[in-house]
Amino acid sequence: MNSECCFNESQYPVVFTGAGMSTEAGLPDFCSPSSGLWNKFNSKELASIEAMKCNISAFMDFIDFASKVYDM
């Protein structure tokens, strides 16, 4: 039985991919040295529990930005 057959006959197919899938599709990742989002933003200041507690406005701005970048 080949993978195509299994996939077509499965009621709930699941595909596991690596982080490279998003970058190949043109979506920025978080850690790439030249294009990652954390090269442009400080993760501790924008996307952490502390950021949420101390600067909710900046935290929500980042969440809004990320949701648009990743079409969430």
PDB file of N, CA and C in Angstrom:
ATOM      1  N   MET A   1       0.854  -1.172   0.000  1.00  0.00           N
ATOM      2  CA  MET A   1       0.000   0.000   0.000  1.00  0.00           C
ATOM      3  C   MET A   1       0.908   1.247   0.000  1.00  0.00           C
ATOM      4  N   ASN A   2       0.709   2.150  -0.949  1.00  0.00           N
ATOM      5  CA  ASN A   2       1.540   3.354  -1.006  1.00  0.00           C
ATOM      6  C   ASN A   2       0.897   4.499  -0.217  1.00  0.00           C
ATOM      7  N   SER A   3       1.651   5.553  -0.024  1.00  0.00           N
ATOM      8  CA  SER A   3       1.172   6.666   0.808  1.00  0.00           C
ATOM      9  C   SER A   3      -0.022   7.381   0.183  1.00  0.00           C
ATOM     10  N   GLU A   4      -0.066   7.469  -1.149  1.00  0.00           N
ATOM     11  CA  GLU A   4      -1.197   8.127  -1.809  1.00  0.00           C
ATOM     12  C   GLU A   4      -2.482   7.369  -1.527  1.00  0.00           C
ATOM     13  N   CYS A   5      -2.419   6.066  -1.601  1.00  0.00           N
ATOM     14  CA  CYS A   5      -3.582   5.227  -1.338  1.00  0.00           C
ATOM     15  C   CYS A   5      -4.051   5.411   0.105  1.00  0.00           C
ATOM     16  N   CYS A   6      -3.121   5.372   1.037  1.00  0.00           N
ATOM     17  CA  CYS A   6      -3.465   5.553   2.454  1.00  0.00           C
ATOM     18  C   CYS A   6      -4.084   6.919   2.701  1.00  0.00           C
ATOM     19  N   PHE A   7      -3.518   7.941   2.092  1.00  0.00           N
ATOM     20  CA  PHE A   7      -4.017   9.305   2.276  1.00  0.00           C
ATOM     21  C   PHE A   7      -5.433   9.436   1.715  1.00  0.00           C
ATOM     22  N   ASN A   8      -5.662   8.903   0.522  1.00  0.00           N
ATOM     23  CA  ASN A   8      -6.976   9.019  -0.114  1.00  0.00           C
ATOM     24  C   ASN A   8      -8.052   8.234   0.628  1.00  0.00           C
ATOM     25  N   GLU A   9      -7.668   7.140   1.261  1.00  0.00           N
ATOM     26  CA  GLU A   9      -8.647   6.308   1.955  1.00  0.00           C
ATOM     27  C   GLU A   9      -8.831   6.676   3.421  1.00  0.00           C
ATOM     28  N   SER A  10      -8.003   7.537   3.926  1.00  0.00           N
ATOM     29  CA  SER A  10      -8.072   7.895   5.340  1.00  0.00           C
ATOM     30  C   SER A  10      -9.236   8.846   5.608  1.00  0.00           C
ATOM     31  N   GLN A  11      -9.899   8.628   6.721  1.00  0.00           N
ATOM     32  CA  GLN A  11     -10.985   9.527   7.110  1.00  0.00           C
ATOM     33  C   GLN A  11     -10.431  10.827   7.683  1.00  0.00           C
ATOM     34  N   TYR A  12      -9.294  10.768   8.366  1.00  0.00           N
ATOM     35  CA  TYR A  12      -8.677  11.936   8.988  1.00  0.00           C
ATOM     36  C   TYR A  12      -7.184  11.981   8.655  1.00  0.00           C
ATOM     37  N   PRO A  13      -6.840  12.374   7.442  1.00  0.00           N
ATOM     38  CA  PRO A  13      -5.408  12.408   7.106  1.00  0.00           C
ATOM     39  C   PRO A  13      -4.673  13.484   7.896  1.00  0.00           C
ATOM     40  N   VAL A  14      -3.443  13.182   8.255  1.00  0.00           N
ATOM     41  CA  VAL A  14      -2.591  14.113   8.985  1.00  0.00           C
ATOM     42  C   VAL A  14      -1.244  14.172   8.272  1.00  0.00           C
ATOM     43  N   VAL A  15      -0.734  15.373   8.097  1.00  0.00           N
ATOM     44  CA  VAL A  15       0.566  15.541   7.459  1.00  0.00           C
ATOM     45  C   VAL A  15       1.443  16.353   8.394  1.00  0.00           C
ATOM     46  N   PHE A  16       2.625  15.837   8.703  1.00  0.00           N
ATOM     47  CA  PHE A  16       3.580  16.553   9.533  1.00  0.00           C
ATOM     48  C   PHE A  16       4.628  17.186   8.625  1.00  0.00           C
ATOM     49  N   THR A  17       4.884  18.463   8.835  1.00  0.00           N
ATOM     50  CA  THR A  17       5.888  19.148   8.021  1.00  0.00           C
ATOM     51  C   THR A  17       6.847  19.887   8.941  1.00  0.00           C
ATOM     52  N   GLY A  18       7.921  20.335   8.375  1.00  0.00           N
ATOM     53  CA  GLY A  18       8.886  21.114   9.135  1.00  0.00           C
ATOM     54  C   GLY A  18       8.666  22.601   8.927  1.00  0.00           C
ATOM     55  N   ALA A  19       9.463  23.389   9.596  1.00  0.00           N
ATOM     56  CA  ALA A  19       9.331  24.844   9.530  1.00  0.00           C
ATOM     57  C   ALA A  19       9.595  25.378   8.126  1.00  0.00           C
ATOM     58  N   GLY A  20      10.314  24.652   7.313  1.00  0.00           N
ATOM     59  CA  GLY A  20      10.630  25.114   5.968  1.00  0.00           C
ATOM     60  C   GLY A  20       9.426  25.264   5.059  1.00  0.00           C
ATOM     61  N   MET A  21       8.331  24.625   5.388  1.00  0.00           N
ATOM     62  CA  MET A  21       7.133  24.731   4.551  1.00  0.00           C
ATOM     63  C   MET A  21       6.614  26.160   4.501  1.00  0.00           C
ATOM     64  N   SER A  22       6.603  26.846   5.616  1.00  0.00           N
ATOM     65  CA  SER A  22       6.076  28.214   5.622  1.00  0.00           C
ATOM     66  C   SER A  22       6.997  29.160   4.867  1.00  0.00           C
ATOM     67  N   THR A  23       8.298  29.009   5.031  1.00  0.00           N
ATOM     68  CA  THR A  23       9.216  29.908   4.344  1.00  0.00           C
ATOM     69  C   THR A  23       9.206  29.651   2.843  1.00  0.00           C
ATOM     70  N   GLU A  24       9.039  28.411   2.424  1.00  0.00           N
ATOM     71  CA  GLU A  24       8.928  28.105   0.996  1.00  0.00           C
ATOM     72  C   GLU A  24       7.673  28.738   0.404  1.00  0.00           C
ATOM     73  N   ALA A  25       6.638  28.890   1.215  1.00  0.00           N
ATOM     74  CA  ALA A  25       5.385  29.493   0.759  1.00  0.00           C
ATOM     75  C   ALA A  25       5.422  31.017   0.850  1.00  0.00           C
ATOM     76  N   GLY A  26       6.532  31.567   1.329  1.00  0.00           N
ATOM     77  CA  GLY A  26       6.664  33.014   1.405  1.00  0.00           C
ATOM     78  C   GLY A  26       6.272  33.631   2.729  1.00  0.00           C
ATOM     79  N   LEU A  27       5.945  32.803   3.708  1.00  0.00           N
ATOM     80  CA  LEU A  27       5.603  33.328   5.036  1.00  0.00           C
ATOM     81  C   LEU A  27       6.875  33.491   5.861  1.00  0.00           C
ATOM     82  N   PRO A  28       7.025  34.610   6.533  1.00  0.00           N
ATOM     83  CA  PRO A  28       8.223  34.771   7.360  1.00  0.00           C
ATOM     84  C   PRO A  28       8.159  33.856   8.577  1.00  0.00           C
ATOM     85  N   ASP A  29       9.304  33.320   8.959  1.00  0.00           N
ATOM     86  CA  ASP A  29       9.350  32.542  10.189  1.00  0.00           C
ATOM     87  C   ASP A  29       9.839  33.449  11.310  1.00  0.00           C
ATOM     88  N   PHE A  30      10.096  32.888  12.450  1.00  0.00           N
ATOM     89  CA  PHE A  30      10.499  33.711  13.588  1.00  0.00           C
ATOM     90  C   PHE A  30      12.009  33.787  13.763  1.00  0.00           C
ATOM     91  N   CYS A  31      12.754  32.786  13.293  1.00  0.00           N
ATOM     92  CA  CYS A  31      14.161  32.687  13.689  1.00  0.00           C
ATOM     93  C   CYS A  31      15.192  32.783  12.571  1.00  0.00           C
ATOM     94  N   SER A  32      14.797  32.879  11.316  1.00  0.00           N
ATOM     95  CA  SER A  32      15.797  32.946  10.244  1.00  0.00           C
ATOM     96  C   SER A  32      16.712  34.143  10.458  1.00  0.00           C
ATOM     97  N   PRO A  33      18.015  33.957  10.269  1.00  0.00           N
ATOM     98  CA  PRO A  33      18.975  35.036  10.555  1.00  0.00           C
ATOM     99  C   PRO A  33      18.706  36.343   9.811  1.00  0.00           C
ATOM    100  N   SER A  34      18.271  36.275   8.572  1.00  0.00           N
ATOM    101  CA  SER A  34      18.109  37.523   7.824  1.00  0.00           C
ATOM    102  C   SER A  34      16.667  38.005   7.724  1.00  0.00           C
ATOM    103  N   SER A  35      15.709  37.110   7.870  1.00  0.00           N
ATOM    104  CA  SER A  35      14.320  37.520   7.639  1.00  0.00           C
ATOM    105  C   SER A  35      13.356  37.173   8.763  1.00  0.00           C
ATOM    106  N   GLY A  36      13.834  36.573   9.833  1.00  0.00           N
ATOM    107  CA  GLY A  36      12.952  36.172  10.920  1.00  0.00           C
ATOM    108  C   GLY A  36      12.339  37.358  11.644  1.00  0.00           C
ATOM    109  N   LEU A  37      11.132  37.162  12.133  1.00  0.00           N
ATOM    110  CA  LEU A  37      10.437  38.244  12.832  1.00  0.00           C
ATOM    111  C   LEU A  37      11.190  38.701  14.080  1.00  0.00           C
ATOM    112  N   TRP A  38      11.923  37.793  14.725  1.00  0.00           N
ATOM    113  CA  TRP A  38      12.644  38.195  15.938  1.00  0.00           C
ATOM    114  C   TRP A  38      13.904  38.998  15.620  1.00  0.00           C
ATOM    115  N   ASN A  39      14.254  39.131  14.350  1.00  0.00           N
ATOM    116  CA  ASN A  39      15.320  40.059  13.972  1.00  0.00           C
ATOM    117  C   ASN A  39      14.804  41.484  13.903  1.00  0.00           C
ATOM    118  N   LYS A  40      13.486  41.618  13.734  1.00  0.00           N
ATOM    119  CA  LYS A  40      12.861  42.936  13.627  1.00  0.00           C
ATOM    120  C   LYS A  40      12.217  43.367  14.941  1.00  0.00           C
ATOM    121  N   PHE A  41      11.850  42.412  15.757  1.00  0.00           N
ATOM    122  CA  PHE A  41      11.143  42.676  17.010  1.00  0.00           C
ATOM    123  C   PHE A  41      11.826  41.956  18.163  1.00  0.00           C
ATOM    124  N   ASN A  42      11.694  42.495  19.349  1.00  0.00           N
ATOM    125  CA  ASN A  42      12.213  41.847  20.551  1.00  0.00           C
ATOM    126  C   ASN A  42      11.103  40.983  21.137  1.00  0.00           C
ATOM    127  N   SER A  43      11.281  39.678  21.070  1.00  0.00           N
ATOM    128  CA  SER A  43      10.229  38.766  21.518  1.00  0.00           C
ATOM    129  C   SER A  43       9.869  38.961  22.987  1.00  0.00           C
ATOM    130  N   LYS A  44      10.830  39.286  23.808  1.00  0.00           N
ATOM    131  CA  LYS A  44      10.544  39.473  25.236  1.00  0.00           C
ATOM    132  C   LYS A  44       9.707  40.723  25.496  1.00  0.00           C
ATOM    133  N   GLU A  45       9.841  41.713  24.610  1.00  0.00           N
ATOM    134  CA  GLU A  45       9.075  42.949  24.778  1.00  0.00           C
ATOM    135  C   GLU A  45       7.686  42.876  24.153  1.00  0.00           C
ATOM    136  N   LEU A  46       7.479  41.926  23.226  1.00  0.00           N
ATOM    137  CA  LEU A  46       6.216  41.899  22.491  1.00  0.00           C
ATOM    138  C   LEU A  46       5.398  40.629  22.626  1.00  0.00           C
ATOM    139  N   ALA A  47       6.030  39.508  22.836  1.00  0.00           N
ATOM    140  CA  ALA A  47       5.299  38.247  22.764  1.00  0.00           C
ATOM    141  C   ALA A  47       5.633  37.332  23.932  1.00  0.00           C
ATOM    142  N   SER A  48       5.452  37.844  25.115  1.00  0.00           N
ATOM    143  CA  SER A  48       5.713  37.043  26.314  1.00  0.00           C
ATOM    144  C   SER A  48       4.656  37.379  27.362  1.00  0.00           C
ATOM    145  N   ILE A  49       4.615  36.586  28.392  1.00  0.00           N
ATOM    146  CA  ILE A  49       3.686  36.863  29.493  1.00  0.00           C
ATOM    147  C   ILE A  49       4.016  38.222  30.119  1.00  0.00           C
ATOM    148  N   GLU A  50       5.306  38.494  30.274  1.00  0.00           N
ATOM    149  CA  GLU A  50       5.709  39.793  30.837  1.00  0.00           C
ATOM    150  C   GLU A  50       5.257  40.946  29.953  1.00  0.00           C
ATOM    151  N   ALA A  51       5.390  40.783  28.639  1.00  0.00           N
ATOM    152  CA  ALA A  51       4.945  41.830  27.714  1.00  0.00           C
ATOM    153  C   ALA A  51       3.447  42.060  27.864  1.00  0.00           C
ATOM    154  N   MET A  52       2.710  40.977  28.003  1.00  0.00           N
ATOM    155  CA  MET A  52       1.264  41.099  28.156  1.00  0.00           C
ATOM    156  C   MET A  52       0.914  41.820  29.456  1.00  0.00           C
ATOM    157  N   LYS A  53       1.650  41.542  30.509  1.00  0.00           N
ATOM    158  CA  LYS A  53       1.383  42.169  31.805  1.00  0.00           C
ATOM    159  C   LYS A  53       1.809  43.634  31.837  1.00  0.00           C
ATOM    160  N   CYS A  54       2.967  43.928  31.243  1.00  0.00           N
ATOM    161  CA  CYS A  54       3.564  45.258  31.393  1.00  0.00           C
ATOM    162  C   CYS A  54       3.174  46.247  30.306  1.00  0.00           C
ATOM    163  N   ASN A  55       2.893  45.760  29.106  1.00  0.00           N
ATOM    164  CA  ASN A  55       2.584  46.664  28.000  1.00  0.00           C
ATOM    165  C   ASN A  55       1.560  45.997  27.092  1.00  0.00           C
ATOM    166  N   ILE A  56       0.342  45.926  27.577  1.00  0.00           N
ATOM    167  CA  ILE A  56      -0.712  45.216  26.849  1.00  0.00           C
ATOM    168  C   ILE A  56      -0.948  45.818  25.471  1.00  0.00           C
ATOM    169  N   SER A  57      -0.766  47.113  25.327  1.00  0.00           N
ATOM    170  CA  SER A  57      -0.979  47.766  24.038  1.00  0.00           C
ATOM    171  C   SER A  57       0.016  47.260  22.990  1.00  0.00           C
ATOM    172  N   ALA A  58       1.298  47.228  23.328  1.00  0.00           N
ATOM    173  CA  ALA A  58       2.318  46.729  22.395  1.00  0.00           C
ATOM    174  C   ALA A  58       2.106  45.242  22.121  1.00  0.00           C
ATOM    175  N   PHE A  59       1.741  44.494  23.149  1.00  0.00           N
ATOM    176  CA  PHE A  59       1.466  43.068  22.991  1.00  0.00           C
ATOM    177  C   PHE A  59       0.335  42.849  21.996  1.00  0.00           C
ATOM    178  N   MET A  60      -0.759  43.577  22.156  1.00  0.00           N
ATOM    179  CA  MET A  60      -1.909  43.421  21.260  1.00  0.00           C
ATOM    180  C   MET A  60      -1.589  43.905  19.846  1.00  0.00           C
ATOM    181  N   ASP A  61      -0.777  44.943  19.722  1.00  0.00           N
ATOM    182  CA  ASP A  61      -0.344  45.396  18.395  1.00  0.00           C
ATOM    183  C   ASP A  61       0.434  44.300  17.678  1.00  0.00           C
ATOM    184  N   PHE A  62       1.321  43.622  18.422  1.00  0.00           N
ATOM    185  CA  PHE A  62       2.093  42.543  17.808  1.00  0.00           C
ATOM    186  C   PHE A  62       1.184  41.383  17.422  1.00  0.00           C
ATOM    187  N   ILE A  63       0.253  41.020  18.275  1.00  0.00           N
ATOM    188  CA  ILE A  63      -0.674  39.931  17.964  1.00  0.00           C
ATOM    189  C   ILE A  63      -1.479  40.277  16.720  1.00  0.00           C
ATOM    190  N   ASP A  64      -1.922  41.518  16.623  1.00  0.00           N
ATOM    191  CA  ASP A  64      -2.665  41.965  15.447  1.00  0.00           C
ATOM    192  C   ASP A  64      -1.799  41.869  14.189  1.00  0.00           C
ATOM    193  N   PHE A  65      -0.551  42.343  14.283  1.00  0.00           N
ATOM    194  CA  PHE A  65       0.374  42.260  13.166  1.00  0.00           C
ATOM    195  C   PHE A  65       0.606  40.813  12.744  1.00  0.00           C
ATOM    196  N   ALA A  66       0.906  39.949  13.712  1.00  0.00           N
ATOM    197  CA  ALA A  66       1.185  38.545  13.408  1.00  0.00           C
ATOM    198  C   ALA A  66      -0.031  37.862  12.801  1.00  0.00           C
ATOM    199  N   SER A  67      -1.210  38.184  13.277  1.00  0.00           N
ATOM    200  CA  SER A  67      -2.418  37.542  12.723  1.00  0.00           C
ATOM    201  C   SER A  67      -2.639  37.948  11.273  1.00  0.00           C
ATOM    202  N   LYS A  68      -2.237  39.164  10.903  1.00  0.00           N
ATOM    203  CA  LYS A  68      -2.357  39.588   9.505  1.00  0.00           C
ATOM    204  C   LYS A  68      -1.276  38.932   8.642  1.00  0.00           C
ATOM    205  N   VAL A  69      -0.062  38.833   9.162  1.00  0.00           N
ATOM    206  CA  VAL A  69       1.035  38.206   8.404  1.00  0.00           C
ATOM    207  C   VAL A  69       0.695  36.748   8.125  1.00  0.00           C
ATOM    208  N   TYR A  70       0.147  36.051   9.115  1.00  0.00           N
ATOM    209  CA  TYR A  70      -0.130  34.636   8.988  1.00  0.00           C
ATOM    210  C   TYR A  70      -1.587  34.348   8.657  1.00  0.00           C
ATOM    211  N   ASP A  71      -2.357  35.392   8.333  1.00  0.00           N
ATOM    212  CA  ASP A  71      -3.748  35.253   7.909  1.00  0.00           C
ATOM    213  C   ASP A  71      -4.544  34.374   8.867  1.00  0.00           C
ATOM    214  N   MET A  72      -4.474  34.724  10.159  1.00  0.00           N
ATOM    215  CA  MET A  72      -5.180  33.934  11.170  1.00  0.00           C
ATOM    216  C   MET A  72      -6.561  34.498  11.421  1.00  0.00           C
TER     217      MET A  72
END
